[in-house]
Full PDB file with SEQRES, HELIX, SHEET, SSBOND, CRYST1, ORIGX, SCALE, CONECT and MASTER records, all heavy atoms in Angstrom:
SEQRES   1 A   46  PHE SER THR ALA PHE ILE PRO PHE LEU CYS ILE ALA LEU          
SEQRES   2 A   46  THR ALA CYS GLY THR ALA GLY ASP GLY ASN ASN GLY GLY          
SEQRES   3 A   46  VAL THR GLY GLY GLN GLY ASP PHE ASN GLN TYR GLU GLU          
SEQRES   4 A   46  ASN LEU GLU THR ALA ALA ASP                                  
HELIX    1 AA1 PHE A    8  PHE A    8  1                                   1    
HELIX    2 AA2 LEU A    9  LEU A   13  3                                   5    
HELIX    3 AA3 GLN A   31  ALA A   45  1                                  15    
CRYST1    1.000    1.000    1.000  90.00  90.00  90.00 P 1           1          
ORIGX1      1.000000  0.000000  0.000000        0.00000                         
ORIGX2      0.000000  1.000000  0.000000        0.00000                         
ORIGX3      0.000000  0.000000  1.000000        0.00000                         
SCALE1      1.000000  0.000000  0.000000        0.00000                         
SCALE2      0.000000  1.000000  0.000000        0.00000                         
SCALE3      0.000000  0.000000  1.000000        0.00000                         
ATOM      1  N   PHE A   1      82.764  31.507  62.295  1.00  0.00           N  
ATOM      2  CA  PHE A   1      83.813  31.144  61.288  1.00  0.00           C  
ATOM      3  C   PHE A   1      83.291  31.171  59.841  1.00  0.00           C  
ATOM      4  O   PHE A   1      82.201  30.646  59.579  1.00  0.00           O  
ATOM      5  CB  PHE A   1      84.373  29.772  61.619  1.00  0.00           C  
ATOM      6  CG  PHE A   1      85.184  29.762  62.834  1.00  0.00           C  
ATOM      7  CD1 PHE A   1      84.732  29.200  63.949  1.00  0.00           C  
ATOM      8  CD2 PHE A   1      86.482  30.207  62.855  1.00  0.00           C  
ATOM      9  CE1 PHE A   1      85.508  29.174  65.178  1.00  0.00           C  
ATOM     10  CE2 PHE A   1      87.279  30.211  63.980  1.00  0.00           C  
ATOM     11  CZ  PHE A   1      86.724  29.678  65.146  1.00  0.00           C  
ATOM     12  N   SER A   2      84.082  31.734  59.056  1.00  0.00           N  
ATOM     13  CA  SER A   2      83.769  31.627  57.624  1.00  0.00           C  
ATOM     14  C   SER A   2      84.076  30.195  57.172  1.00  0.00           C  
ATOM     15  O   SER A   2      84.940  29.482  57.744  1.00  0.00           O  
ATOM     16  CB  SER A   2      84.637  32.628  56.785  1.00  0.00           C  
ATOM     17  OG  SER A   2      84.639  32.243  55.432  1.00  0.00           O  
ATOM     18  N   THR A   3      83.423  29.728  56.106  1.00  0.00           N  
ATOM     19  CA  THR A   3      83.737  28.405  55.545  1.00  0.00           C  
ATOM     20  C   THR A   3      85.057  28.383  54.804  1.00  0.00           C  
ATOM     21  O   THR A   3      85.592  27.318  54.480  1.00  0.00           O  
ATOM     22  CB  THR A   3      82.591  27.936  54.606  1.00  0.00           C  
ATOM     23  OG1 THR A   3      82.422  28.891  53.630  1.00  0.00           O  
ATOM     24  CG2 THR A   3      81.291  27.696  55.409  1.00  0.00           C  
ATOM     25  N   ALA A   4      85.593  29.534  54.606  1.00  0.00           N  
ATOM     26  CA  ALA A   4      86.913  29.653  53.962  1.00  0.00           C  
ATOM     27  C   ALA A   4      88.010  29.913  55.011  1.00  0.00           C  
ATOM     28  O   ALA A   4      87.852  30.990  55.642  1.00  0.00           O  
ATOM     29  CB  ALA A   4      86.969  30.732  52.805  1.00  0.00           C  
ATOM     30  N   PHE A   5      89.013  29.136  55.120  1.00  0.00           N  
ATOM     31  CA  PHE A   5      89.935  29.276  56.218  1.00  0.00           C  
ATOM     32  C   PHE A   5      91.278  29.714  55.743  1.00  0.00           C  
ATOM     33  O   PHE A   5      92.145  29.811  56.598  1.00  0.00           O  
ATOM     34  CB  PHE A   5      90.100  27.956  56.972  1.00  0.00           C  
ATOM     35  CG  PHE A   5      88.825  27.729  57.897  1.00  0.00           C  
ATOM     36  CD1 PHE A   5      87.748  26.985  57.446  1.00  0.00           C  
ATOM     37  CD2 PHE A   5      88.912  28.119  59.190  1.00  0.00           C  
ATOM     38  CE1 PHE A   5      86.723  26.751  58.215  1.00  0.00           C  
ATOM     39  CE2 PHE A   5      87.799  27.864  59.908  1.00  0.00           C  
ATOM     40  CZ  PHE A   5      86.648  27.201  59.449  1.00  0.00           C  
ATOM     41  N   ILE A   6      91.520  29.809  54.450  1.00  0.00           N  
ATOM     42  CA  ILE A   6      92.958  30.189  54.039  1.00  0.00           C  
ATOM     43  C   ILE A   6      92.973  31.546  53.475  1.00  0.00           C  
ATOM     44  O   ILE A   6      92.315  31.902  52.518  1.00  0.00           O  
ATOM     45  CB  ILE A   6      93.341  29.173  52.897  1.00  0.00           C  
ATOM     46  CG1 ILE A   6      93.089  27.720  53.446  1.00  0.00           C  
ATOM     47  CG2 ILE A   6      94.811  29.285  52.537  1.00  0.00           C  
ATOM     48  CD1 ILE A   6      93.854  27.316  54.689  1.00  0.00           C  
ATOM     49  N   PRO A   7      93.799  32.422  54.071  1.00  0.00           N  
ATOM     50  CA  PRO A   7      94.647  32.151  55.238  1.00  0.00           C  
ATOM     51  C   PRO A   7      93.751  32.219  56.458  1.00  0.00           C  
ATOM     52  O   PRO A   7      92.859  33.041  56.615  1.00  0.00           O  
ATOM     53  CB  PRO A   7      95.657  33.260  55.271  1.00  0.00           C  
ATOM     54  CG  PRO A   7      94.915  34.421  54.553  1.00  0.00           C  
ATOM     55  CD  PRO A   7      94.156  33.723  53.487  1.00  0.00           C  
ATOM     56  N   PHE A   8      93.925  31.287  57.450  1.00  0.00           N  
ATOM     57  CA  PHE A   8      93.126  31.129  58.548  1.00  0.00           C  
ATOM     58  C   PHE A   8      93.024  32.446  59.348  1.00  0.00           C  
ATOM     59  O   PHE A   8      91.853  32.894  59.820  1.00  0.00           O  
ATOM     60  CB  PHE A   8      93.658  29.962  59.442  1.00  0.00           C  
ATOM     61  CG  PHE A   8      93.074  29.879  60.823  1.00  0.00           C  
ATOM     62  CD1 PHE A   8      91.674  29.610  61.063  1.00  0.00           C  
ATOM     63  CD2 PHE A   8      93.794  30.139  61.896  1.00  0.00           C  
ATOM     64  CE1 PHE A   8      91.164  29.521  62.313  1.00  0.00           C  
ATOM     65  CE2 PHE A   8      93.281  29.979  63.213  1.00  0.00           C  
ATOM     66  CZ  PHE A   8      91.933  29.733  63.393  1.00  0.00           C  
ATOM     67  N   LEU A   9      94.098  33.113  59.682  1.00  0.00           N  
ATOM     68  CA  LEU A   9      94.065  34.230  60.542  1.00  0.00           C  
ATOM     69  C   LEU A   9      93.310  35.359  59.865  1.00  0.00           C  
ATOM     70  O   LEU A   9      92.557  36.129  60.530  1.00  0.00           O  
ATOM     71  CB  LEU A   9      95.470  34.718  60.812  1.00  0.00           C  
ATOM     72  CG  LEU A   9      96.325  33.866  61.785  1.00  0.00           C  
ATOM     73  CD1 LEU A   9      97.674  34.423  61.928  1.00  0.00           C  
ATOM     74  CD2 LEU A   9      95.541  33.768  63.104  1.00  0.00           C  
ATOM     75  N   CYS A  10      93.403  35.541  58.590  1.00  0.00           N  
ATOM     76  CA  CYS A  10      92.767  36.578  57.940  1.00  0.00           C  
ATOM     77  C   CYS A  10      91.226  36.389  57.999  1.00  0.00           C  
ATOM     78  O   CYS A  10      90.492  37.350  58.145  1.00  0.00           O  
ATOM     79  CB  CYS A  10      93.136  36.618  56.409  1.00  0.00           C  
ATOM     80  SG  CYS A  10      92.320  37.961  55.490  1.00  0.00           S  
ATOM     81  N   ILE A  11      90.803  35.157  57.925  1.00  0.00           N  
ATOM     82  CA  ILE A  11      89.278  34.883  57.884  1.00  0.00           C  
ATOM     83  C   ILE A  11      88.762  34.620  59.266  1.00  0.00           C  
ATOM     84  O   ILE A  11      87.882  35.284  59.677  1.00  0.00           O  
ATOM     85  CB  ILE A  11      89.054  33.644  56.969  1.00  0.00           C  
ATOM     86  CG1 ILE A  11      89.439  33.906  55.542  1.00  0.00           C  
ATOM     87  CG2 ILE A  11      87.575  33.394  56.956  1.00  0.00           C  
ATOM     88  CD1 ILE A  11      88.816  35.085  54.828  1.00  0.00           C  
ATOM     89  N   ALA A  12      89.396  33.769  60.029  1.00  0.00           N  
ATOM     90  CA  ALA A  12      88.756  33.256  61.270  1.00  0.00           C  
ATOM     91  C   ALA A  12      89.181  34.152  62.452  1.00  0.00           C  
ATOM     92  O   ALA A  12      88.324  34.198  63.420  1.00  0.00           O  
ATOM     93  CB  ALA A  12      89.244  31.820  61.523  1.00  0.00           C  
ATOM     94  N   LEU A  13      90.256  34.751  62.471  1.00  0.00           N  
ATOM     95  CA  LEU A  13      90.778  35.595  63.603  1.00  0.00           C  
ATOM     96  C   LEU A  13      90.474  37.101  63.446  1.00  0.00           C  
ATOM     97  O   LEU A  13      90.193  37.783  64.426  1.00  0.00           O  
ATOM     98  CB  LEU A  13      92.127  35.261  63.954  1.00  0.00           C  
ATOM     99  CG  LEU A  13      92.435  33.818  64.435  1.00  0.00           C  
ATOM    100  CD1 LEU A  13      93.869  33.720  64.861  1.00  0.00           C  
ATOM    101  CD2 LEU A  13      91.535  33.502  65.673  1.00  0.00           C  
ATOM    102  N   THR A  14      90.575  37.613  62.253  1.00  0.00           N  
ATOM    103  CA  THR A  14      90.616  39.052  62.094  1.00  0.00           C  
ATOM    104  C   THR A  14      89.419  39.541  61.293  1.00  0.00           C  
ATOM    105  O   THR A  14      89.173  40.686  61.290  1.00  0.00           O  
ATOM    106  CB  THR A  14      91.918  39.633  61.490  1.00  0.00           C  
ATOM    107  OG1 THR A  14      92.016  38.989  60.182  1.00  0.00           O  
ATOM    108  CG2 THR A  14      93.069  39.138  62.343  1.00  0.00           C  
ATOM    109  N   ALA A  15      88.674  38.674  60.698  1.00  0.00           N  
ATOM    110  CA  ALA A  15      87.527  39.135  59.934  1.00  0.00           C  
ATOM    111  C   ALA A  15      86.164  38.442  60.290  1.00  0.00           C  
ATOM    112  O   ALA A  15      85.339  38.355  59.555  1.00  0.00           O  
ATOM    113  CB  ALA A  15      87.826  38.900  58.465  1.00  0.00           C  
ATOM    114  N   CYS A  16      86.123  38.039  61.610  1.00  0.00           N  
ATOM    115  CA  CYS A  16      84.869  37.364  61.946  1.00  0.00           C  
ATOM    116  C   CYS A  16      83.926  38.397  62.630  1.00  0.00           C  
ATOM    117  O   CYS A  16      84.210  39.544  62.754  1.00  0.00           O  
ATOM    118  CB  CYS A  16      85.347  36.310  63.030  1.00  0.00           C  
ATOM    119  SG  CYS A  16      86.437  35.051  62.459  1.00  0.00           S  
ATOM    120  N   GLY A  17      82.834  37.850  62.940  1.00  0.00           N  
ATOM    121  CA  GLY A  17      81.757  38.686  63.582  1.00  0.00           C  
ATOM    122  C   GLY A  17      82.165  38.986  65.037  1.00  0.00           C  
ATOM    123  O   GLY A  17      83.207  38.634  65.551  1.00  0.00           O  
ATOM    124  N   THR A  18      81.332  39.836  65.643  1.00  0.00           N  
ATOM    125  CA  THR A  18      81.586  40.227  66.997  1.00  0.00           C  
ATOM    126  C   THR A  18      81.404  39.083  67.981  1.00  0.00           C  
ATOM    127  O   THR A  18      80.414  38.333  67.887  1.00  0.00           O  
ATOM    128  CB  THR A  18      80.682  41.362  67.422  1.00  0.00           C  
ATOM    129  OG1 THR A  18      80.948  42.425  66.492  1.00  0.00           O  
ATOM    130  CG2 THR A  18      80.915  41.825  68.826  1.00  0.00           C  
ATOM    131  N   ALA A  19      82.290  38.864  68.911  1.00  0.00           N  
ATOM    132  CA  ALA A  19      82.242  37.838  69.824  1.00  0.00           C  
ATOM    133  C   ALA A  19      81.152  38.099  70.842  1.00  0.00           C  
ATOM    134  O   ALA A  19      80.904  39.179  71.188  1.00  0.00           O  
ATOM    135  CB  ALA A  19      83.595  37.524  70.512  1.00  0.00           C  
ATOM    136  N   GLY A  20      80.555  36.957  71.293  1.00  0.00           N  
ATOM    137  CA  GLY A  20      79.528  37.103  72.372  1.00  0.00           C  
ATOM    138  C   GLY A  20      79.942  36.558  73.620  1.00  0.00           C  
ATOM    139  O   GLY A  20      81.181  36.581  73.914  1.00  0.00           O  
ATOM    140  N   ASP A  21      79.036  36.060  74.415  1.00  0.00           N  
ATOM    141  CA  ASP A  21      79.423  35.599  75.758  1.00  0.00           C  
ATOM    142  C   ASP A  21      79.552  34.050  75.835  1.00  0.00           C  
ATOM    143  O   ASP A  21      79.662  33.475  76.874  1.00  0.00           O  
ATOM    144  CB  ASP A  21      78.298  35.979  76.776  1.00  0.00           C  
ATOM    145  CG  ASP A  21      76.947  35.467  76.419  1.00  0.00           C  
ATOM    146  OD1 ASP A  21      76.846  34.677  75.402  1.00  0.00           O  
ATOM    147  OD2 ASP A  21      75.952  35.713  77.139  1.00  0.00           O  
ATOM    148  N   GLY A  22      79.630  33.462  74.647  1.00  0.00           N  
ATOM    149  CA  GLY A  22      79.896  32.019  74.658  1.00  0.00           C  
ATOM    150  C   GLY A  22      78.584  31.232  74.796  1.00  0.00           C  
ATOM    151  O   GLY A  22      78.545  30.036  74.611  1.00  0.00           O  
ATOM    152  N   ASN A  23      77.452  31.839  75.049  1.00  0.00           N  
ATOM    153  CA  ASN A  23      76.240  31.105  75.243  1.00  0.00           C  
ATOM    154  C   ASN A  23      75.234  31.468  74.005  1.00  0.00           C  
ATOM    155  O   ASN A  23      74.412  32.238  74.062  1.00  0.00           O  
ATOM    156  CB  ASN A  23      75.547  31.530  76.505  1.00  0.00           C  
ATOM    157  CG  ASN A  23      74.226  30.746  76.851  1.00  0.00           C  
ATOM    158  OD1 ASN A  23      74.052  29.721  76.179  1.00  0.00           O  
ATOM    159  ND2 ASN A  23      73.518  31.215  77.680  1.00  0.00           N  
ATOM    160  N   ASN A  24      75.538  30.853  72.961  1.00  0.00           N  
ATOM    161  CA  ASN A  24      74.810  31.157  71.684  1.00  0.00           C  
ATOM    162  C   ASN A  24      73.796  30.085  71.241  1.00  0.00           C  
ATOM    163  O   ASN A  24      73.539  29.953  70.176  1.00  0.00           O  
ATOM    164  CB  ASN A  24      75.870  31.362  70.530  1.00  0.00           C  
ATOM    165  CG  ASN A  24      76.711  30.174  70.341  1.00  0.00           C  
ATOM    166  OD1 ASN A  24      77.077  29.506  71.251  1.00  0.00           O  
ATOM    167  ND2 ASN A  24      76.938  29.858  69.037  1.00  0.00           N  
ATOM    168  N   GLY A  25      73.375  29.306  72.216  1.00  0.00           N  
ATOM    169  CA  GLY A  25      72.260  28.419  71.964  1.00  0.00           C  
ATOM    170  C   GLY A  25      72.606  26.969  71.865  1.00  0.00           C  
ATOM    171  O   GLY A  25      71.764  26.182  71.489  1.00  0.00           O  
ATOM    172  N   GLY A  26      73.761  26.570  72.248  1.00  0.00           N  
ATOM    173  CA  GLY A  26      73.798  25.192  72.326  1.00  0.00           C  
ATOM    174  C   GLY A  26      75.069  24.379  72.205  1.00  0.00           C  
ATOM    175  O   GLY A  26      75.451  24.050  71.184  1.00  0.00           O  
ATOM    176  N   VAL A  27      75.716  24.217  73.273  1.00  0.00           N  
ATOM    177  CA  VAL A  27      76.768  23.255  73.343  1.00  0.00           C  
ATOM    178  C   VAL A  27      76.187  22.008  73.973  1.00  0.00           C  
ATOM    179  O   VAL A  27      75.610  22.025  75.131  1.00  0.00           O  
ATOM    180  CB  VAL A  27      77.952  23.723  74.166  1.00  0.00           C  
ATOM    181  CG1 VAL A  27      79.024  22.664  74.299  1.00  0.00           C  
ATOM    182  CG2 VAL A  27      78.647  24.945  73.584  1.00  0.00           C  
ATOM    183  N   THR A  28      76.349  20.871  73.339  1.00  0.00           N  
ATOM    184  CA  THR A  28      75.688  19.688  73.796  1.00  0.00           C  
ATOM    185  C   THR A  28      76.632  18.967  74.791  1.00  0.00           C  
ATOM    186  O   THR A  28      77.233  17.932  74.644  1.00  0.00           O  
ATOM    187  CB  THR A  28      75.438  18.597  72.687  1.00  0.00           C  
ATOM    188  OG1 THR A  28      76.629  18.416  71.937  1.00  0.00           O  
ATOM    189  CG2 THR A  28      74.435  19.165  71.675  1.00  0.00           C  
ATOM    190  N   GLY A  29      76.815  19.727  75.952  1.00  0.00           N  
ATOM    191  CA  GLY A  29      77.740  19.249  77.000  1.00  0.00           C  
ATOM    192  C   GLY A  29      79.016  20.067  76.838  1.00  0.00           C  
ATOM    193  O   GLY A  29      79.415  20.427  75.646  1.00  0.00           O  
ATOM    194  N   GLY A  30      79.653  20.326  77.872  1.00  0.00           N  
ATOM    195  CA  GLY A  30      81.031  20.918  77.774  1.00  0.00           C  
ATOM    196  C   GLY A  30      80.977  22.532  77.464  1.00  0.00           C  
ATOM    197  O   GLY A  30      81.835  23.004  76.869  1.00  0.00           O  
ATOM    198  N   GLN A  31      79.923  23.205  77.992  1.00  0.00           N  
ATOM    199  CA  GLN A  31      79.848  24.622  77.787  1.00  0.00           C  
ATOM    200  C   GLN A  31      81.039  25.396  78.273  1.00  0.00           C  
ATOM    201  O   GLN A  31      81.598  26.303  77.703  1.00  0.00           O  
ATOM    202  CB  GLN A  31      78.519  25.192  78.414  1.00  0.00           C  
ATOM    203  CG  GLN A  31      78.424  26.731  78.173  1.00  0.00           C  
ATOM    204  CD  GLN A  31      78.108  27.137  76.733  1.00  0.00           C  
ATOM    205  OE1 GLN A  31      77.095  26.653  76.177  1.00  0.00           O  
ATOM    206  NE2 GLN A  31      79.000  27.867  76.170  1.00  0.00           N  
ATOM    207  N   GLY A  32      81.477  25.002  79.462  1.00  0.00           N  
ATOM    208  CA  GLY A  32      82.636  25.526  80.143  1.00  0.00           C  
ATOM    209  C   GLY A  32      83.816  25.372  79.267  1.00  0.00           C  
ATOM    210  O   GLY A  32      84.666  26.322  79.092  1.00  0.00           O  
ATOM    211  N   ASP A  33      84.029  24.214  78.637  1.00  0.00           N  
ATOM    212  CA  ASP A  33      85.226  23.981  77.827  1.00  0.00           C  
ATOM    213  C   ASP A  33      85.086  24.847  76.547  1.00  0.00           C  
ATOM    214  O   ASP A  33      86.124  25.421  76.079  1.00  0.00           O  
ATOM    215  CB  ASP A  33      85.250  22.527  77.450  1.00  0.00           C  
ATOM    216  CG  ASP A  33      85.573  21.662  78.586  1.00  0.00           C  
ATOM    217  OD1 ASP A  33      86.215  22.148  79.530  1.00  0.00           O  
ATOM    218  OD2 ASP A  33      85.315  20.429  78.517  1.00  0.00           O  
ATOM    219  N   PHE A  34      83.952  25.009  76.042  1.00  0.00           N  
ATOM    220  CA  PHE A  34      83.825  25.845  74.740  1.00  0.00           C  
ATOM    221  C   PHE A  34      84.084  27.283  75.166  1.00  0.00           C  
ATOM    222  O   PHE A  34      84.606  28.029  74.345  1.00  0.00           O  
ATOM    223  CB  PHE A  34      82.373  25.608  74.164  1.00  0.00           C  
ATOM    224  CG  PHE A  34      82.230  26.304  72.845  1.00  0.00           C  
ATOM    225  CD1 PHE A  34      82.787  25.606  71.759  1.00  0.00           C  
ATOM    226  CD2 PHE A  34      81.786  27.650  72.656  1.00  0.00           C  
ATOM    227  CE1 PHE A  34      82.663  26.311  70.442  1.00  0.00           C  
ATOM    228  CE2 PHE A  34      81.633  28.193  71.359  1.00  0.00           C  
ATOM    229  CZ  PHE A  34      82.175  27.523  70.306  1.00  0.00           C  
ATOM    230  N   ASN A  35      83.611  27.770  76.369  1.00  0.00           N  
ATOM    231  CA  ASN A  35      83.876  29.161  76.771  1.00  0.00           C  
ATOM    232  C   ASN A  35      85.411  29.374  76.877  1.00  0.00           C  
ATOM    233  O   ASN A  35      85.865  30.416  76.492  1.00  0.00           O  
ATOM    234  CB  ASN A  35      83.238  29.428  78.104  1.00  0.00           C  
ATOM    235  CG  ASN A  35      81.678  29.443  77.928  1.00  0.00           C  
ATOM    236  OD1 ASN A  35      81.210  29.567  76.856  1.00  0.00           O  
ATOM    237  ND2 ASN A  35      81.013  29.483  79.033  1.00  0.00           N  
ATOM    238  N   GLN A  36      86.118  28.332  77.353  1.00  0.00           N  
ATOM    239  CA  GLN A  36      87.582  28.480  77.516  1.00  0.00           C  
ATOM    240  C   GLN A  36      88.289  28.599  76.071  1.00  0.00           C  
ATOM    241  O   GLN A  36      89.114  29.394  75.894  1.00  0.00           O  
ATOM    242  CB  GLN A  36      88.103  27.187  78.180  1.00  0.00           C  
ATOM    243  CG  GLN A  36      89.693  27.269  78.307  1.00  0.00           C  
ATOM    244  CD  GLN A  36      90.166  28.356  79.186  1.00  0.00           C  
ATOM    245  OE1 GLN A  36      89.678  28.621  80.344  1.00  0.00           O  
ATOM    246  NE2 GLN A  36      91.092  29.159  78.677  1.00  0.00           N  
ATOM    247  N   TYR A  37      87.672  27.730  75.082  1.00  0.00           N  
ATOM    248  CA  TYR A  37      88.212  27.796  73.739  1.00  0.00           C  
ATOM    249  C   TYR A  37      87.917  29.264  73.252  1.00  0.00           C  
ATOM    250  O   TYR A  37      88.845  29.862  72.590  1.00  0.00           O  
ATOM    251  CB  TYR A  37      87.438  26.821  72.866  1.00  0.00           C  
ATOM    252  CG  TYR A  37      87.427  27.224  71.464  1.00  0.00           C  
ATOM    253  CD1 TYR A  37      88.655  27.076  70.596  1.00  0.00           C  
ATOM    254  CD2 TYR A  37      86.298  27.642  70.814  1.00  0.00           C  
ATOM    255  CE1 TYR A  37      88.641  27.413  69.312  1.00  0.00           C  
ATOM    256  CE2 TYR A  37      86.274  27.984  69.445  1.00  0.00           C  
ATOM    257  CZ  TYR A  37      87.415  27.950  68.765  1.00  0.00           C  
ATOM    258  OH  TYR A  37      87.438  28.352  67.418  1.00  0.00           O  
ATOM    259  N   GLU A  38      86.801  29.839  73.507  1.00  0.00           N  
ATOM    260  CA  GLU A  38      86.449  31.120  72.848  1.00  0.00           C  
ATOM    261  C   GLU A  38      87.353  32.182  73.503  1.00  0.00           C  
ATOM    262  O   GLU A  38      87.742  33.157  72.870  1.00  0.00           O  
ATOM    263  CB  GLU A  38      85.009  31.480  73.138  1.00  0.00           C  
ATOM    264  CG  GLU A  38      84.060  30.774  72.269  1.00  0.00           C  
ATOM    265  CD  GLU A  38      82.707  31.423  72.154  1.00  0.00           C  
ATOM    266  OE1 GLU A  38      82.165  31.844  73.186  1.00  0.00           O  
ATOM    267  OE2 GLU A  38      82.202  31.698  71.003  1.00  0.00           O  
ATOM    268  N   GLU A  39      87.601  32.060  74.813  1.00  0.00           N  
ATOM    269  CA  GLU A  39      88.518  33.016  75.459  1.00  0.00           C  
ATOM    270  C   GLU A  39      90.003  33.048  74.867  1.00  0.00           C  
ATOM    271  O   GLU A  39      90.547  34.034  74.615  1.00  0.00           O  
ATOM    272  CB  GLU A  39      88.677  32.744  76.977  1.00  0.00           C  
ATOM    273  CG  GLU A  39      87.400  32.970  77.739  1.00  0.00           C  
ATOM    274  CD  GLU A  39      87.644  32.652  79.220  1.00  0.00           C  
ATOM    275  OE1 GLU A  39      88.695  32.333  79.604  1.00  0.00           O  
ATOM    276  OE2 GLU A  39      86.554  32.755  79.996  1.00  0.00           O  
ATOM    277  N   ASN A  40      90.382  31.772  74.515  1.00  0.00           N  
ATOM    278  CA  ASN A  40      91.654  31.610  73.878  1.00  0.00           C  
ATOM    279  C   ASN A  40      91.598  32.172  72.448  1.00  0.00           C  
ATOM    280  O   ASN A  40      92.665  32.708  71.950  1.00  0.00           O  
ATOM    281  CB  ASN A  40      92.152  30.176  73.791  1.00  0.00           C  
ATOM    282  CG  ASN A  40      92.574  29.683  75.248  1.00  0.00           C  
ATOM    283  OD1 ASN A  40      92.984  30.414  76.068  1.00  0.00           O  
ATOM    284  ND2 ASN A  40      92.352  28.389  75.467  1.00  0.00           N  
ATOM    285  N   LEU A  41      90.458  31.981  71.770  1.00  0.00           N  
ATOM    286  CA  LEU A  41      90.344  32.560  70.409  1.00  0.00           C  
ATOM    287  C   LEU A  41      90.436  34.039  70.467  1.00  0.00           C  
ATOM    288  O   LEU A  41      91.075  34.650  69.561  1.00  0.00           O  
ATOM    289  CB  LEU A  41      88.937  32.115  69.864  1.00  0.00           C  
ATOM    290  CG  LEU A  41      88.608  32.690  68.532  1.00  0.00           C  
ATOM    291  CD1 LEU A  41      89.583  32.233  67.433  1.00  0.00           C  
ATOM    292  CD2 LEU A  41      87.203  32.221  68.072  1.00  0.00           C  
ATOM    293  N   GLU A  42      89.798  34.748  71.483  1.00  0.00           N  
ATOM    294  CA  GLU A  42      89.860  36.085  71.630  1.00  0.00           C  
ATOM    295  C   GLU A  42      91.274  36.606  71.816  1.00  0.00           C  
ATOM    296  O   GLU A  42      91.771  37.630  71.156  1.00  0.00           O  
ATOM    297  CB  GLU A  42      88.972  36.611  72.773  1.00  0.00           C  
ATOM    298  CG  GLU A  42      87.496  36.491  72.566  1.00  0.00           C  
ATOM    299  CD  GLU A  42      86.976  37.367  71.468  1.00  0.00           C  
ATOM    300  OE1 GLU A  42      87.540  38.426  71.245  1.00  0.00           O  
ATOM    301  OE2 GLU A  42      86.000  37.046  70.853  1.00  0.00           O  
ATOM    302  N   THR A  43      92.007  35.922  72.679  1.00  0.00           N  
ATOM    303  CA  THR A  43      93.354  36.317  72.889  1.00  0.00           C  
ATOM    304  C   THR A  43      94.247  36.253  71.646  1.00  0.00           C  
ATOM    305  O   THR A  43      95.102  37.013  71.374  1.00  0.00           O  
ATOM    306  CB  THR A  43      94.033  35.448  74.120  1.00  0.00           C  
ATOM    307  OG1 THR A  43      93.198  35.687  75.245  1.00  0.00           O  
ATOM    308  CG2 THR A  43      95.424  35.838  74.348  1.00  0.00           C  
ATOM    309  N   ALA A  44      93.997  35.060  71.020  1.00  0.00           N  
ATOM    310  CA  ALA A  44      94.820  34.800  69.796  1.00  0.00           C  
ATOM    311  C   ALA A  44      94.506  35.933  68.735  1.00  0.00           C  
ATOM    312  O   ALA A  44      95.421  36.347  68.023  1.00  0.00           O  
ATOM    313  CB  ALA A  44      94.485  33.445  69.179  1.00  0.00           C  
ATOM    314  N   ALA A  45      93.312  36.355  68.641  1.00  0.00           N  
ATOM    315  CA  ALA A  45      92.870  37.362  67.698  1.00  0.00           C  
ATOM    316  C   ALA A  45      93.522  38.566  68.022  1.00  0.00           C  
ATOM    317  O   ALA A  45      94.054  39.367  67.098  1.00  0.00           O  
ATOM    318  CB  ALA A  45      91.338  37.546  67.640  1.00  0.00           C  
ATOM    319  N   ASP A  46      93.584  39.012  69.258  1.00  0.00           N  
ATOM    320  CA  ASP A  46      94.235  40.266  69.666  1.00  0.00           C  
ATOM    321  C   ASP A  46      95.705  40.210  69.402  1.00  0.00           C  
ATOM    322  O   ASP A  46      96.291  41.206  68.844  1.00  0.00           O  
ATOM    323  CB  ASP A  46      94.010  40.469  71.198  1.00  0.00           C  
ATOM    324  CG  ASP A  46      92.566  40.801  71.493  1.00  0.00           C  
ATOM    325  OD1 ASP A  46      91.858  41.260  70.595  1.00  0.00           O  
ATOM    326  OD2 ASP A  46      92.247  40.666  72.678  1.00  0.00           O  
TER     327      ASP A  46                                                      
MASTER        0    0    0    3    0    0    0    6  326    1    0    4          
END                                                                             
């Protein structure tokens, strides 16, 4: 995510880096929940 969110879709959904596999070095618990969030982010971006 960019630190600038306005407009959110322009920055966070359509101008972000390439998505990975959700295992980027560290969810302190709840990795599965974060992966679910990332899946929803991908769908929302599409």
